[in-house]
Amino acid sequence: WAGSSPNDWTEELHNDFTGPARQRHSEISEALNRIQTAGAAFADMSGSGSTVFGWFKNEPPDSLFEGCPEEWMTWKGPYSL
């Protein structure tokens, strides 16, 4: 995957747990929907679902974090590939 970008990953990378976890836990589905709607180039769940994440070309909009349930922990910051 050297030289690839998050835009390339959507069709090639997937977590086998994401589909079933989204069906069983609406919070995971809601979080991923928020991230994708906000314009993430790639979004998925880590491992068995302790974290959902999104890769954005530019900083995500503040609206991504508005109205999140209180128990959600959120973080945004730069990451270089």
N, C-alpha and C. Protein backbone atom coordinates (compact mmCIF):
# COMPACT_ATOMS: atom_id res chain seq x y z
N TRP A 1 0.80 -1.20 0.00
CA TRP A 1 0.00 0.00 0.00
C TRP A 1 0.84 1.26 0.00
N ALA A 2 2.13 1.09 -0.11
CA ALA A 2 3.00 2.25 -0.16
C ALA A 2 2.61 3.12 -1.35
N GLY A 3 2.53 4.40 -1.11
CA GLY A 3 2.19 5.33 -2.18
C GLY A 3 0.70 5.49 -2.40
N SER A 4 -0.13 4.74 -1.68
CA SER A 4 -1.58 4.90 -1.85
C SER A 4 -2.08 5.98 -0.89
N SER A 5 -3.34 6.35 -1.06
CA SER A 5 -3.94 7.36 -0.20
C SER A 5 -5.29 6.85 0.29
N PRO A 6 -5.86 7.50 1.29
CA PRO A 6 -7.17 7.07 1.79
C PRO A 6 -8.24 6.98 0.69
N ASN A 7 -8.13 7.80 -0.33
CA ASN A 7 -9.09 7.72 -1.43
C ASN A 7 -9.04 6.36 -2.12
N ASP A 8 -7.89 5.70 -2.08
CA ASP A 8 -7.74 4.39 -2.72
C ASP A 8 -8.26 3.25 -1.85
N TRP A 9 -8.42 3.49 -0.58
CA TRP A 9 -8.68 2.41 0.35
C TRP A 9 -10.12 1.92 0.38
N THR A 10 -11.08 2.77 0.05
CA THR A 10 -12.49 2.44 0.20
C THR A 10 -12.87 1.15 -0.50
N GLU A 11 -12.39 0.95 -1.69
CA GLU A 11 -12.74 -0.26 -2.45
C GLU A 11 -11.88 -1.46 -2.08
N GLU A 12 -10.74 -1.22 -1.46
CA GLU A 12 -9.79 -2.31 -1.23
C GLU A 12 -9.70 -2.79 0.21
N LEU A 13 -9.90 -1.90 1.16
CA LEU A 13 -9.75 -2.26 2.57
C LEU A 13 -11.11 -2.29 3.26
N HIS A 14 -11.29 -3.27 4.08
CA HIS A 14 -12.51 -3.31 4.89
C HIS A 14 -12.28 -4.17 6.13
N ASN A 15 -13.04 -3.86 7.14
CA ASN A 15 -13.00 -4.59 8.39
C ASN A 15 -14.20 -5.53 8.39
N ASP A 16 -13.99 -6.82 8.49
CA ASP A 16 -15.08 -7.79 8.46
C ASP A 16 -16.07 -7.61 9.61
N PHE A 17 -15.65 -6.97 10.68
CA PHE A 17 -16.53 -6.75 11.82
C PHE A 17 -17.46 -5.55 11.64
N THR A 18 -17.15 -4.65 10.73
CA THR A 18 -17.91 -3.41 10.63
C THR A 18 -19.38 -3.64 10.34
N GLY A 19 -19.70 -4.44 9.35
CA GLY A 19 -21.11 -4.67 9.00
C GLY A 19 -21.93 -5.22 10.15
N PRO A 20 -21.51 -6.35 10.74
CA PRO A 20 -22.27 -6.87 11.88
C PRO A 20 -22.32 -5.92 13.07
N ALA A 21 -21.23 -5.20 13.34
CA ALA A 21 -21.22 -4.26 14.47
C ALA A 21 -22.19 -3.12 14.22
N ARG A 22 -22.27 -2.64 12.98
CA ARG A 22 -23.22 -1.57 12.65
C ARG A 22 -24.65 -2.03 12.87
N GLN A 23 -24.92 -3.30 12.55
CA GLN A 23 -26.27 -3.83 12.72
C GLN A 23 -26.64 -3.98 14.19
N ARG A 24 -25.69 -4.35 15.01
CA ARG A 24 -25.97 -4.59 16.44
C ARG A 24 -25.87 -3.35 17.30
N HIS A 25 -25.07 -2.37 16.85
CA HIS A 25 -24.81 -1.19 17.69
C HIS A 25 -25.05 0.08 16.86
N SER A 26 -26.18 0.68 17.06
CA SER A 26 -26.55 1.86 16.27
C SER A 26 -25.54 3.00 16.43
N GLU A 27 -24.84 3.05 17.56
CA GLU A 27 -23.86 4.11 17.79
C GLU A 27 -22.72 4.04 16.78
N ILE A 28 -22.31 2.83 16.45
CA ILE A 28 -21.23 2.65 15.48
C ILE A 28 -21.70 3.12 14.11
N SER A 29 -22.91 2.73 13.76
CA SER A 29 -23.46 3.15 12.48
C SER A 29 -23.60 4.67 12.43
N GLU A 30 -24.11 5.26 13.50
CA GLU A 30 -24.27 6.71 13.54
C GLU A 30 -22.93 7.42 13.41
N ALA A 31 -21.93 6.95 14.12
CA ALA A 31 -20.61 7.59 14.06
C ALA A 31 -20.02 7.50 12.65
N LEU A 32 -20.08 6.32 12.04
CA LEU A 32 -19.55 6.17 10.68
C LEU A 32 -20.34 7.01 9.69
N ASN A 33 -21.65 7.07 9.83
CA ASN A 33 -22.46 7.91 8.94
C ASN A 33 -22.07 9.37 9.07
N ARG A 34 -21.86 9.83 10.30
CA ARG A 34 -21.44 11.22 10.52
C ARG A 34 -20.11 11.51 9.81
N ILE A 35 -19.17 10.61 9.99
CA ILE A 35 -17.84 10.80 9.41
C ILE A 35 -17.91 10.80 7.88
N GLN A 36 -18.66 9.87 7.32
CA GLN A 36 -18.77 9.79 5.87
C GLN A 36 -19.51 11.01 5.31
N THR A 37 -20.57 11.42 5.97
CA THR A 37 -21.33 12.59 5.52
C THR A 37 -20.49 13.86 5.60
N ALA A 38 -19.58 13.92 6.55
CA ALA A 38 -18.71 15.09 6.70
C ALA A 38 -17.61 15.15 5.64
N GLY A 39 -17.52 14.11 4.80
CA GLY A 39 -16.58 14.16 3.69
C GLY A 39 -15.29 13.37 3.84
N ALA A 40 -15.28 12.40 4.73
CA ALA A 40 -14.06 11.60 4.90
C ALA A 40 -13.71 10.86 3.61
N ALA A 41 -12.44 10.82 3.30
CA ALA A 41 -11.97 10.05 2.15
C ALA A 41 -12.06 8.56 2.45
N PHE A 42 -11.93 8.20 3.73
CA PHE A 42 -12.02 6.81 4.16
C PHE A 42 -12.50 6.80 5.60
N ALA A 43 -13.41 5.91 5.91
CA ALA A 43 -13.89 5.77 7.29
C ALA A 43 -14.12 4.29 7.55
N ASP A 44 -13.82 3.86 8.76
CA ASP A 44 -14.06 2.48 9.14
C ASP A 44 -13.99 2.36 10.65
N MET A 45 -14.07 1.16 11.11
CA MET A 45 -14.02 0.84 12.51
C MET A 45 -12.68 0.15 12.76
N SER A 46 -12.07 0.44 13.89
CA SER A 46 -10.82 -0.24 14.22
C SER A 46 -11.12 -1.57 14.91
N GLY A 47 -10.39 -2.57 14.58
CA GLY A 47 -10.53 -3.87 15.25
C GLY A 47 -11.96 -4.31 15.40
N SER A 48 -12.36 -4.61 16.63
CA SER A 48 -13.71 -5.07 16.88
C SER A 48 -14.63 -3.94 17.32
N GLY A 49 -14.23 -2.71 17.10
CA GLY A 49 -15.14 -1.61 17.27
C GLY A 49 -14.90 -0.67 18.42
N SER A 50 -13.73 -0.69 19.01
CA SER A 50 -13.50 0.25 20.10
C SER A 50 -13.41 1.68 19.60
N THR A 51 -13.13 1.84 18.32
CA THR A 51 -12.94 3.17 17.73
C THR A 51 -13.45 3.17 16.30
N VAL A 52 -14.06 4.28 15.90
CA VAL A 52 -14.32 4.53 14.49
C VAL A 52 -13.48 5.74 14.11
N PHE A 53 -13.09 5.81 12.87
CA PHE A 53 -12.18 6.87 12.45
C PHE A 53 -12.45 7.26 11.01
N GLY A 54 -12.00 8.43 10.65
CA GLY A 54 -12.10 8.89 9.27
C GLY A 54 -10.86 9.66 8.88
N TRP A 55 -10.49 9.52 7.63
CA TRP A 55 -9.36 10.26 7.06
C TRP A 55 -9.95 11.37 6.19
N PHE A 56 -9.54 12.59 6.44
CA PHE A 56 -10.02 13.74 5.68
C PHE A 56 -8.86 14.40 4.98
N LYS A 57 -9.09 14.83 3.75
CA LYS A 57 -8.05 15.55 3.02
C LYS A 57 -7.79 16.89 3.70
N ASN A 58 -8.86 17.54 4.11
CA ASN A 58 -8.76 18.81 4.84
C ASN A 58 -9.39 18.61 6.21
N GLU A 59 -9.22 19.58 7.07
CA GLU A 59 -9.79 19.47 8.42
C GLU A 59 -11.30 19.26 8.32
N PRO A 60 -11.84 18.32 9.09
CA PRO A 60 -13.28 18.08 9.03
C PRO A 60 -14.05 19.27 9.58
N PRO A 61 -15.29 19.43 9.14
CA PRO A 61 -16.08 20.56 9.63
C PRO A 61 -16.43 20.39 11.11
N ASP A 62 -16.57 21.52 11.81
CA ASP A 62 -16.94 21.48 13.22
C ASP A 62 -18.28 20.79 13.42
N SER A 63 -19.14 20.83 12.42
CA SER A 63 -20.46 20.22 12.53
C SER A 63 -20.37 18.71 12.77
N LEU A 64 -19.25 18.10 12.42
CA LEU A 64 -19.06 16.67 12.66
C LEU A 64 -19.22 16.34 14.14
N PHE A 65 -18.79 17.24 14.99
CA PHE A 65 -18.79 17.00 16.43
C PHE A 65 -20.01 17.56 17.16
N GLU A 66 -20.80 18.36 16.46
CA GLU A 66 -21.98 18.97 17.09
C GLU A 66 -23.05 17.91 17.33
N GLY A 67 -23.58 17.91 18.52
CA GLY A 67 -24.66 17.00 18.85
C GLY A 67 -24.25 15.56 19.10
N CYS A 68 -22.94 15.31 19.23
CA CYS A 68 -22.50 13.95 19.54
C CYS A 68 -22.96 13.59 20.95
N PRO A 69 -23.33 12.34 21.17
CA PRO A 69 -23.69 11.92 22.52
C PRO A 69 -22.56 12.24 23.51
N GLU A 70 -22.93 12.59 24.74
CA GLU A 70 -21.96 12.98 25.75
C GLU A 70 -20.90 11.91 26.02
N GLU A 71 -21.29 10.65 25.92
CA GLU A 71 -20.35 9.57 26.25
C GLU A 71 -19.34 9.30 25.14
N TRP A 72 -19.51 9.93 23.99
CA TRP A 72 -18.54 9.76 22.91
C TRP A 72 -17.30 10.59 23.21
N MET A 73 -16.15 10.00 22.99
CA MET A 73 -14.90 10.75 23.05
C MET A 73 -14.53 11.08 21.60
N THR A 74 -14.19 12.33 21.35
CA THR A 74 -13.83 12.73 19.99
C THR A 74 -12.44 13.35 19.99
N TRP A 75 -11.80 13.24 18.86
CA TRP A 75 -10.48 13.81 18.69
C TRP A 75 -10.29 14.10 17.21
N LYS A 76 -9.63 15.19 16.92
CA LYS A 76 -9.20 15.46 15.55
C LYS A 76 -7.82 16.04 15.59
N GLY A 77 -7.05 15.69 14.61
CA GLY A 77 -5.69 16.18 14.55
C GLY A 77 -5.04 15.74 13.27
N PRO A 78 -3.93 16.33 12.92
CA PRO A 78 -3.24 15.99 11.68
C PRO A 78 -2.52 14.63 11.77
N TYR A 79 -2.43 14.01 10.64
CA TYR A 79 -1.67 12.78 10.53
C TYR A 79 -1.10 12.73 9.12
N SER A 80 0.16 12.55 9.00
CA SER A 80 0.80 12.51 7.68
C SER A 80 0.97 11.07 7.23
N LEU A 81 0.74 10.85 5.97
CA LEU A 81 0.97 9.53 5.39
C LEU A 81 2.37 9.43 4.86
